[in-house]
Protein backbone atom coordinates (compact mmCIF):
# COMPACT_ATOMS: atom_id res chain seq x y z
CA MET A 1 52.21 -8.80 8.13
CA ASN A 2 49.99 -5.72 7.65
CA THR A 3 49.54 -4.45 4.11
CA THR A 4 49.44 -0.85 2.96
CA ILE A 5 47.90 -0.48 -0.48
CA VAL A 6 48.94 2.65 -2.33
CA ILE A 7 46.59 3.57 -5.19
CA LEU A 8 48.00 5.99 -7.74
CA ALA A 9 45.13 8.23 -8.88
CA ALA A 10 46.68 11.61 -9.66
CA GLY A 11 46.70 11.48 -13.46
CA GLN A 12 44.70 13.93 -15.55
CA GLY A 13 43.65 11.50 -18.27
CA LYS A 14 43.78 13.94 -21.18
CA ARG A 15 42.91 11.23 -23.70
CA MET A 16 39.50 10.81 -22.08
CA ASN A 17 38.53 14.23 -23.50
CA SER A 18 36.32 14.74 -20.48
CA ALA A 19 35.92 17.28 -17.68
CA LEU A 20 35.52 14.33 -15.30
CA PRO A 21 38.82 13.12 -13.74
CA LYS A 22 39.94 9.84 -15.24
CA VAL A 23 39.57 7.80 -12.04
CA LEU A 24 35.94 8.94 -11.75
CA GLN A 25 34.97 7.71 -15.22
CA PRO A 26 32.15 5.16 -14.85
CA LEU A 27 32.71 1.44 -15.30
CA ALA A 28 29.68 -0.82 -14.72
CA GLY A 29 27.97 2.12 -13.02
CA ARG A 30 30.77 2.90 -10.57
CA PRO A 31 33.90 5.10 -10.78
CA LEU A 32 37.10 3.33 -11.83
CA LEU A 33 38.67 4.18 -8.49
CA ARG A 34 35.73 2.62 -6.62
CA HIS A 35 36.52 -0.75 -8.19
CA VAL A 36 40.15 -0.52 -7.06
CA ILE A 37 39.24 0.58 -3.52
CA ASP A 38 36.64 -2.18 -3.14
CA GLY A 39 39.11 -4.76 -4.44
CA SER A 40 41.69 -3.50 -1.92
CA ARG A 41 39.23 -3.92 0.93
CA GLU A 42 38.26 -7.39 -0.23
CA PHE A 43 41.96 -8.31 -0.33
CA GLY A 44 42.19 -7.28 3.31
CA ALA A 45 44.43 -4.22 3.33
CA SER A 46 44.87 -2.64 6.76
CA ASP A 47 45.75 0.74 5.27
CA ILE A 48 44.67 2.25 1.93
CA CYS A 49 46.34 5.43 0.72
CA VAL A 50 45.10 7.19 -2.42
CA VAL A 51 47.61 9.46 -4.13
CA TYR A 52 45.56 12.17 -5.78
CA GLY A 53 46.27 15.21 -7.92
CA HIS A 54 44.21 16.29 -10.93
CA GLY A 55 40.62 17.03 -9.93
CA GLY A 56 41.63 16.33 -6.36
CA ASP A 57 38.70 18.03 -4.63
CA GLU A 58 36.20 16.21 -6.82
CA VAL A 59 37.93 12.87 -6.28
CA ARG A 60 38.09 13.28 -2.51
CA GLU A 61 34.47 14.41 -2.34
CA CYS A 62 33.35 11.33 -4.26
CA PHE A 63 34.91 9.07 -1.60
CA ALA A 64 34.27 11.27 1.43
CA GLY A 65 32.49 8.45 3.24
CA ASP A 66 35.37 5.99 2.88
CA GLU A 67 38.03 5.39 5.49
CA LEU A 68 41.05 6.28 3.36
CA ARG A 69 44.40 7.99 3.72
CA TRP A 70 45.05 10.69 1.14
CA ALA A 71 48.40 11.93 -0.20
CA LEU A 72 48.65 14.85 -2.62
CA GLN A 73 50.93 14.68 -5.65
CA ALA A 74 50.95 18.34 -6.58
CA GLU A 75 53.31 17.79 -9.53
CA GLN A 76 53.12 14.68 -11.70
CA LEU A 77 56.79 13.70 -11.85
CA GLY A 78 56.35 9.99 -12.45
CA THR A 79 55.09 6.88 -10.72
CA GLY A 80 58.06 6.69 -8.34
CA HIS A 81 57.46 10.27 -7.24
CA ALA A 82 53.75 9.46 -6.74
CA VAL A 83 54.48 6.53 -4.42
CA GLN A 84 56.92 8.70 -2.47
CA GLN A 85 54.01 10.94 -1.43
CA ALA A 86 52.37 8.02 0.38
CA MET A 87 55.49 6.82 2.22
CA PRO A 88 55.88 9.26 5.14
CA ASP A 89 52.84 7.87 7.00
CA THR A 90 53.38 4.25 5.98
CA PRO A 91 54.75 2.06 8.82
CA ASP A 92 58.22 0.66 8.08
CA ASN A 93 57.21 -2.87 9.04
CA ASN A 94 54.27 -2.97 6.61
CA ARG A 95 54.21 -4.60 3.22
CA VAL A 96 53.37 -2.11 0.43
CA LEU A 97 51.26 -3.04 -2.56
CA VAL A 98 51.12 -0.45 -5.34
CA LEU A 99 47.94 -0.34 -7.47
CA TYR A 100 46.53 2.08 -10.03
CA GLY A 101 43.25 3.96 -10.06
CA ASP A 102 42.84 3.27 -13.78
CA VAL A 103 43.41 -0.52 -13.55
CA PRO A 104 40.02 -1.57 -12.16
CA LEU A 105 39.72 -5.24 -13.15
CA LEU A 106 42.46 -6.62 -10.94
CA ARG A 107 40.97 -9.33 -8.73
CA PRO A 108 41.80 -9.78 -5.03
CA GLN A 109 42.78 -13.38 -5.84
CA THR A 110 45.50 -12.12 -8.16
CA LEU A 111 46.80 -9.71 -5.52
CA ALA A 112 46.92 -12.60 -3.06
CA MET A 113 48.86 -14.67 -5.60
CA LEU A 114 51.40 -11.86 -5.95
CA VAL A 115 51.82 -11.41 -2.21
CA ASP A 116 51.97 -15.16 -1.51
CA GLY A 117 54.73 -15.49 -4.11
CA CYS A 118 57.10 -13.41 -2.00
CA ARG A 119 58.74 -14.26 1.30
CA ALA A 120 59.38 -11.59 3.92
CA GLY A 121 61.81 -8.98 2.64
CA GLU A 122 61.41 -9.98 -1.02
CA VAL A 123 59.88 -8.02 -3.90
CA GLY A 124 57.15 -9.11 -6.28
CA VAL A 125 56.04 -7.62 -9.58
CA LEU A 126 52.88 -8.57 -11.45
CA THR A 127 53.55 -9.30 -15.11
CA VAL A 128 51.62 -10.57 -18.11
CA ASP A 129 52.46 -11.89 -21.57
CA MET A 130 51.13 -9.71 -24.39
CA ASP A 131 50.75 -10.44 -28.07
CA ASN A 132 51.67 -6.84 -28.83
CA PRO A 133 53.76 -5.38 -25.97
CA PHE A 134 54.46 -2.08 -27.73
CA GLY A 135 54.40 0.86 -25.35
CA TYR A 136 54.82 -1.20 -22.19
CA GLY A 137 57.82 -1.72 -19.93
CA ARG A 138 59.52 -5.08 -20.52
CA ILE A 139 60.53 -7.55 -17.82
CA VAL A 140 64.15 -8.59 -18.26
CA ARG A 141 65.00 -11.98 -16.72
CA GLU A 142 68.19 -13.99 -16.35
CA LYS A 143 67.77 -17.71 -15.72
CA GLY A 144 64.15 -17.04 -14.83
CA ARG A 145 64.97 -14.37 -12.24
CA VAL A 146 63.68 -10.82 -12.74
CA MET A 147 66.64 -8.48 -13.14
CA LYS A 148 64.96 -5.21 -14.14
CA SER A 149 62.12 -3.52 -15.99
CA VAL A 150 62.86 -1.36 -19.03
CA GLU A 151 60.46 1.24 -20.41
CA GLU A 152 59.64 1.11 -24.13
CA ARG A 153 61.42 4.39 -24.85
CA ASP A 154 64.58 3.24 -23.09
CA ALA A 155 64.64 -0.36 -24.37
CA ASN A 156 67.09 -1.73 -26.94
CA ASP A 157 66.01 -4.00 -29.79
CA ASP A 158 66.50 -7.23 -27.82
CA GLU A 159 64.49 -5.87 -24.91
CA LYS A 160 61.70 -4.68 -27.21
CA ALA A 161 61.36 -8.26 -28.47
CA ILE A 162 60.32 -9.44 -24.98
CA SER A 163 56.60 -10.18 -24.70
CA GLU A 164 56.42 -10.20 -20.87
CA ILE A 165 55.48 -6.75 -19.66
CA ASN A 166 55.48 -4.99 -16.31
CA THR A 167 51.98 -4.11 -15.14
CA GLY A 168 53.39 -1.63 -12.61
CA VAL A 169 51.79 -3.52 -9.72
CA ILE A 170 54.54 -4.28 -7.20
CA CYS A 171 54.81 -5.66 -3.68
CA ALA A 172 57.72 -4.64 -1.47
CA PRO A 173 58.67 -4.19 2.18
CA ALA A 174 57.97 -0.58 3.20
CA ASP A 175 61.36 0.17 4.77
CA ARG A 176 63.31 -1.00 1.72
CA LEU A 177 60.89 0.67 -0.67
CA LYS A 178 61.40 4.01 1.06
CA SER A 179 65.15 3.64 0.61
CA TRP A 180 64.89 2.76 -3.07
CA LEU A 181 62.45 5.57 -3.80
CA GLY A 182 64.85 8.03 -2.22
CA ARG A 183 67.57 6.94 -4.65
CA LEU A 184 65.50 7.21 -7.84
CA SER A 185 66.83 9.24 -10.74
CA ASN A 186 64.95 10.94 -13.55
CA ASP A 187 67.79 10.40 -16.02
CA ASN A 188 65.63 8.86 -18.72
CA SER A 189 63.81 9.83 -21.92
CA GLN A 190 60.77 11.08 -20.02
CA GLY A 191 62.62 12.93 -17.28
CA GLU A 192 60.45 11.13 -14.71
CA TYR A 193 61.03 9.08 -11.58
CA TYR A 194 60.02 5.55 -12.59
CA LEU A 195 58.70 3.20 -9.92
CA THR A 196 59.88 0.33 -12.11
CA ASP A 197 63.52 1.31 -11.49
CA VAL A 198 63.01 -0.04 -7.97
CA LEU A 199 63.22 -3.57 -9.37
CA GLY A 200 66.78 -3.08 -10.63
CA MET A 201 67.76 -1.45 -7.32
CA ALA A 202 66.38 -4.41 -5.40
CA VAL A 203 68.41 -6.85 -7.51
CA ALA A 204 71.54 -4.72 -7.02
CA ASP A 205 70.98 -4.90 -3.26
CA GLY A 206 70.74 -8.67 -3.40
CA VAL A 207 66.96 -8.79 -2.88
CA VAL A 208 65.07 -11.49 -4.78
CA VAL A 209 62.48 -10.09 -7.23
CA HIS A 210 59.69 -12.47 -8.21
CA GLY A 211 57.81 -11.98 -11.47
CA ILE A 212 54.27 -13.32 -10.95
CA LYS A 213 52.23 -13.64 -14.14
CA ALA A 214 48.54 -12.66 -14.25
CA ASP A 215 46.17 -15.08 -15.96
CA ASN A 216 45.06 -12.72 -18.73
CA GLN A 217 45.65 -9.31 -20.27
CA ALA A 218 42.14 -8.01 -19.58
CA GLU A 219 42.58 -8.20 -15.82
CA VAL A 220 45.59 -5.88 -15.81
CA MET A 221 44.54 -3.51 -18.57
CA GLY A 222 44.94 0.19 -17.89
CA ILE A 223 42.28 2.62 -19.07
CA ASN A 224 43.44 5.79 -20.78
CA ASP A 225 40.69 6.64 -23.27
CA LYS A 226 37.03 5.98 -23.99
CA LYS A 227 37.82 3.08 -26.31
CA GLN A 228 39.71 1.27 -23.57
CA LEU A 229 36.92 2.17 -21.14
CA ALA A 230 34.40 0.46 -23.44
CA GLU A 231 36.67 -2.58 -23.76
CA ALA A 232 36.97 -2.80 -19.98
CA GLU A 233 33.18 -2.54 -19.66
CA ARG A 234 32.72 -5.57 -21.90
CA ALA A 235 35.43 -7.52 -20.07
CA LEU A 236 33.87 -6.79 -16.68
CA GLN A 237 30.34 -7.56 -17.86
CA LYS A 238 31.57 -10.88 -19.22
CA ARG A 239 33.08 -11.70 -15.83
CA LEU A 240 29.92 -10.73 -13.93
CA VAL A 241 27.62 -12.69 -16.22
CA GLU A 242 29.85 -15.76 -16.10
CA GLN A 243 29.56 -15.72 -12.31
CA LEU A 244 25.75 -15.57 -12.58
CA LEU A 245 25.78 -18.51 -14.96
CA GLU A 246 27.94 -20.49 -12.54
CA ASP A 247 25.42 -19.66 -9.81
CA GLY A 248 22.60 -21.19 -11.87
CA VAL A 249 20.98 -18.12 -13.43
CA THR A 250 19.61 -18.70 -16.93
CA ILE A 251 20.63 -15.87 -19.28
CA ALA A 252 19.28 -15.84 -22.83
CA ASP A 253 22.31 -14.04 -24.28
CA PRO A 254 25.27 -13.32 -21.96
CA ALA A 255 26.47 -10.56 -24.28
CA ARG A 256 23.24 -8.59 -23.85
CA VAL A 257 22.98 -8.15 -20.09
CA ASP A 258 24.52 -5.23 -18.19
CA ILE A 259 25.12 -5.17 -14.43
CA ARG A 260 25.96 -1.73 -13.05
CA GLY A 261 26.03 -2.43 -9.35
CA GLU A 262 25.27 -5.59 -7.39
CA LEU A 263 22.76 -8.15 -8.63
CA LYS A 264 21.66 -10.95 -6.29
CA CYS A 265 19.65 -13.82 -7.76
CA GLY A 266 17.78 -16.72 -6.23
CA ARG A 267 17.34 -20.14 -7.81
CA ASP A 268 15.99 -20.65 -11.32
CA VAL A 269 16.01 -16.99 -12.32
CA PHE A 270 15.64 -16.22 -16.03
CA ILE A 271 16.99 -13.04 -17.64
CA ASP A 272 16.17 -12.25 -21.24
CA VAL A 273 18.10 -9.98 -23.62
CA ASN A 274 18.86 -6.28 -23.11
CA ALA A 275 18.25 -6.30 -19.37
CA VAL A 276 20.09 -3.60 -17.40
CA PHE A 277 20.51 -3.78 -13.62
CA GLU A 278 21.72 -0.72 -11.73
CA GLY A 279 22.54 -0.21 -8.06
CA ASP A 280 21.45 -2.91 -5.62
CA VAL A 281 18.99 -5.33 -7.21
CA SER A 282 17.62 -8.57 -5.78
CA LEU A 283 15.69 -11.16 -7.80
CA GLY A 284 13.95 -13.90 -5.82
CA ASP A 285 13.58 -17.55 -6.79
CA ASN A 286 11.91 -18.21 -10.15
CA VAL A 287 11.82 -14.55 -11.15
CA LYS A 288 11.53 -13.95 -14.88
CA VAL A 289 12.88 -10.74 -16.39
CA GLU A 290 11.83 -10.39 -20.00
CA SER A 291 13.57 -8.33 -22.69
CA ASN A 292 14.43 -4.62 -22.67
CA ASN A 293 14.07 -3.89 -18.96
CA LEU A 294 15.85 -1.46 -16.66
CA ILE A 295 15.74 -2.42 -12.97
CA ARG A 296 17.42 -0.09 -10.48
CA ASN A 297 17.73 -0.43 -6.69
CA SER A 298 14.75 -2.76 -6.44
CA ASP A 299 13.72 -6.09 -4.88
CA ILE A 300 11.63 -8.43 -7.00
CA GLY A 301 9.81 -11.15 -5.08
CA ALA A 302 9.90 -14.88 -5.83
CA GLY A 303 7.88 -16.08 -8.80
CA SER A 304 7.31 -12.58 -10.18
CA THR A 305 7.57 -11.62 -13.85
CA ILE A 306 8.78 -8.32 -15.22
CA HIS A 307 7.41 -8.28 -18.73
CA SER A 308 9.18 -6.51 -21.59
CA ASN A 309 9.99 -2.80 -21.76
CA CYS A 310 9.57 -1.81 -18.12
CA HIS A 311 11.40 0.74 -15.98
CA VAL A 312 11.60 -0.28 -12.31
CA GLU A 313 13.36 1.98 -9.80
CA GLY A 314 13.34 1.99 -6.01
CA ALA A 315 10.48 -0.51 -5.97
CA THR A 316 9.65 -3.66 -4.04
CA THR A 317 7.37 -6.48 -5.15
CA GLY A 318 6.08 -9.42 -3.17
CA ALA A 319 5.81 -12.95 -4.54
CA ASN A 320 4.05 -13.81 -7.81
CA CYS A 321 3.56 -10.27 -9.10
CA GLU A 322 3.28 -9.29 -12.74
CA VAL A 323 4.60 -6.00 -14.05
CA GLY A 324 4.23 -4.76 -17.61
CA PRO A 325 4.74 -4.78 -20.44
CA PHE A 326 5.52 -1.05 -20.78
CA SER A 327 5.10 -0.23 -17.07
CA ARG A 328 6.98 2.09 -14.75
CA LEU A 329 7.48 1.54 -11.03
CA ARG A 330 8.95 4.66 -9.44
CA PRO A 331 10.63 5.01 -6.02
CA GLY A 332 8.36 4.01 -3.17
CA ALA A 333 6.22 1.63 -5.21
CA THR A 334 5.54 -1.36 -2.96
CA LEU A 335 3.54 -4.30 -4.25
CA ALA A 336 2.35 -7.12 -2.00
CA THR A 337 1.69 -10.72 -3.12
CA GLY A 338 0.03 -11.42 -6.47
CA VAL A 339 -0.30 -7.80 -7.57
CA LYS A 340 -0.65 -7.10 -11.28
CA ILE A 341 0.57 -3.89 -12.89
CA GLY A 342 -0.36 -3.88 -16.56
CA ASN A 343 0.70 -2.05 -19.70
CA PHE A 344 1.29 1.71 -19.61
CA VAL A 345 0.77 1.98 -15.85
CA GLU A 346 2.91 4.21 -13.63
CA VAL A 347 3.09 3.68 -9.86
CA LYS A 348 4.86 6.11 -7.55
CA LYS A 349 5.21 6.11 -3.74
CA SER A 350 2.23 3.81 -3.29
CA THR A 351 1.49 0.53 -1.53
CA ILE A 352 -0.76 -2.01 -3.22
CA ALA A 353 -2.00 -4.96 -1.16
CA ASP A 354 -2.44 -8.64 -2.09
CA GLY A 355 -4.19 -9.55 -5.32
CA SER A 356 -4.98 -6.05 -6.52
CA LYS A 357 -4.79 -5.10 -10.20
CA VAL A 358 -3.99 -1.94 -12.12
CA ASN A 359 -4.17 -3.28 -15.62
CA HIS A 360 -4.17 -0.46 -18.15
CA LEU A 361 -3.12 3.13 -18.84
CA SER A 362 -3.26 4.42 -15.26
CA TYR A 363 -1.29 6.62 -12.87
CA ILE A 364 -1.17 5.68 -9.18
CA GLY A 365 0.72 8.15 -6.98
CA ASP A 366 0.79 8.67 -3.20
CA ALA A 367 -1.85 6.01 -2.72
CA VAL A 368 -2.65 3.20 -0.28
CA ILE A 369 -4.62 0.45 -2.03
CA GLY A 370 -6.14 -2.50 -0.19
CA ARG A 371 -6.59 -6.18 -1.10
CA GLY A 372 -8.47 -7.44 -4.13
CA VAL A 373 -8.92 -4.01 -5.70
CA ASN A 374 -9.54 -3.56 -9.41
CA ILE A 375 -8.42 -0.25 -10.91
CA GLY A 376 -10.01 0.35 -14.30
CA ALA A 377 -8.26 1.60 -17.42
CA GLY A 378 -7.37 5.28 -17.51
CA THR A 379 -7.67 5.87 -13.77
CA ILE A 380 -5.66 8.70 -12.26
CA THR A 381 -4.96 9.56 -8.64
CA CYS A 382 -4.78 13.36 -8.78
CA ASN A 383 -2.22 13.68 -5.99
CA TYR A 384 -0.70 17.11 -6.69
CA ASP A 385 -2.45 20.44 -6.15
CA GLY A 386 0.40 22.46 -7.63
CA VAL A 387 2.17 22.87 -4.28
CA ASN A 388 1.65 19.78 -2.11
CA LYS A 389 1.12 16.05 -2.59
CA HIS A 390 -1.97 14.36 -1.11
CA GLN A 391 -2.89 10.75 -0.43
CA THR A 392 -5.60 8.55 -1.91
CA THR A 393 -6.79 5.64 0.24
CA ILE A 394 -8.70 2.77 -1.33
CA GLY A 395 -10.15 0.00 0.85
CA ASP A 396 -10.26 -3.74 0.20
CA ASP A 397 -12.35 -5.17 -2.66
CA VAL A 398 -13.02 -1.82 -4.30
CA PHE A 399 -13.94 -1.73 -7.99
CA VAL A 400 -12.92 1.44 -9.82
CA GLY A 401 -14.37 1.80 -13.31
CA SER A 402 -12.54 3.12 -16.36
CA GLY A 403 -11.61 6.75 -16.86
CA VAL A 404 -11.90 7.76 -13.20
CA GLU A 405 -10.13 10.69 -11.55
CA LEU A 406 -9.62 10.40 -7.80
CA VAL A 407 -8.86 13.90 -6.51
CA ALA A 408 -6.74 13.58 -3.36
CA PRO A 409 -7.05 13.73 -0.46
CA VAL A 410 -9.85 11.23 -0.82
CA GLU A 411 -10.86 7.87 0.66
CA ILE A 412 -12.80 5.07 -1.04
CA GLY A 413 -14.51 2.76 1.44
CA LYS A 414 -14.20 -1.01 1.52
CA GLY A 415 -16.20 -2.82 -1.18
CA ALA A 416 -17.23 0.40 -2.92
CA THR A 417 -17.78 0.69 -6.66
CA ILE A 418 -16.81 3.85 -8.53
CA GLY A 419 -18.66 4.34 -11.78
CA ALA A 420 -16.73 4.82 -15.01
CA GLY A 421 -15.98 8.37 -16.07
CA SER A 422 -16.33 9.83 -12.58
CA THR A 423 -14.33 12.59 -10.93
CA ILE A 424 -14.35 11.76 -7.23
CA SER A 425 -13.32 14.55 -4.88
CA LYS A 426 -15.20 13.45 -1.75
CA SER A 427 -14.96 10.23 0.23
CA ALA A 428 -17.06 7.34 -1.13
CA PRO A 429 -18.86 5.09 1.39
CA GLU A 430 -18.32 1.36 1.84
CA GLY A 431 -20.27 -1.06 -0.31
CA LYS A 432 -22.03 1.60 -2.37
CA LEU A 433 -21.95 2.69 -6.02
CA THR A 434 -20.63 6.22 -6.26
CA LEU A 435 -20.40 8.14 -9.50
CA GLU A 436 -20.20 11.72 -10.68
CA ARG A 437 -20.99 12.70 -14.26
CA ALA A 438 -22.26 15.80 -16.01
CA LYS A 439 -25.55 15.47 -17.92
CA GLN A 440 -24.94 14.33 -21.50
CA VAL A 441 -26.15 16.74 -24.11
CA THR A 442 -26.12 16.97 -27.90
CA VAL A 443 -25.49 20.47 -29.25
CA PRO A 444 -27.88 21.37 -32.10
CA GLY A 445 -26.46 23.18 -35.10
CA TRP A 446 -22.85 22.34 -34.26
CA LYS A 447 -20.48 22.14 -37.20
CA PRO A 448 -16.93 20.82 -37.23
CA PRO A 449 -14.16 23.36 -37.79
CA THR A 450 -12.72 23.85 -41.28
CA ASN A 451 -9.23 24.70 -42.47
CA LYS A 452 -8.55 28.39 -42.97
CA LYS A 453 -6.64 29.21 -46.13
């Protein structure tokens, strides 16, 4: 049977105290709604409909590249009313699964468990036991069978004592769901059309309602404010790190690693404390990431080490490279095998071939550097003339002394040596020593400046 997943994402989220719509608030580097959509795709939904409202243009723009069906809920009249907006274009013979844009931790395995717990024509509701169920709708059972769901405001004392709560996630046949939604009433304390009233209607029509319990509260938690957002962040990070540990990654302290995207690791990878991974990051076999590093959208080759306090973005390293400490690789930095980037070095949009070294206090931008090159401390490729960027080309086995400025466009021939303290603005020939220095003078009668009172 085909499945339509309806994601309710129309709420304003006033308690977030943010101009950003609630479903676009970031969790592990991605909007809340992105997590729900990706989980829906992983589950295998044939049709995904997002019910949107507050901040609708911004929400739709954020997911413009996704193949989604959109339904506008112009007035927020309750969850039942929201689902109604998605029903006109939902095939009658589909199964409908209702999810929420602010419940991002729900796993596809749990959705499968809910769906598999229902036979054709039956209804399923995802529930969970809570230590403190205050504020949530309670699941009322008789002899183990779900009879109805009662909202906190409408519950009597016996019903309030129930610890099993309704998560709001339901599975139902589309044709029956359309009928029940059309019969909803807003005769309740909130004056809203509750989706949960569908459960009682199903029972009244003789349809079996299955209550399927989720494994834990964290998975079904809804996010309504920044405190809950922070709690969800920790819960998700714990889940992501536990998966890495199961895959064989060594992590010094699981509580001090953050993954804000997708992190792929080879065998025998080590990650030290306070490492942050953003976007798509790949770490090859035997990579070592030391403490206090940010790595974003980068591929780190096998056997390489990222020493402490580095910022790596949009970069690629070959095998057995060393980066840092205190280095920055900017977008377009491409290191071949055995390259060393030392402390306080910045590399931008440059390729550095096998075995070359930039060890200290240097800036390399818009450069092509050959094999076996040594770049001395304090070297700068002067790539920007105030309007355009220009390239520096350095051949194999070049030795560049300390404190050198290479004014692009310029080319340094294979095997050349550039003397320390030089400003090179013309091409240097292969195998020769090239230097450029002003004559050193001592100024007679010079006196140091004094403070003026």
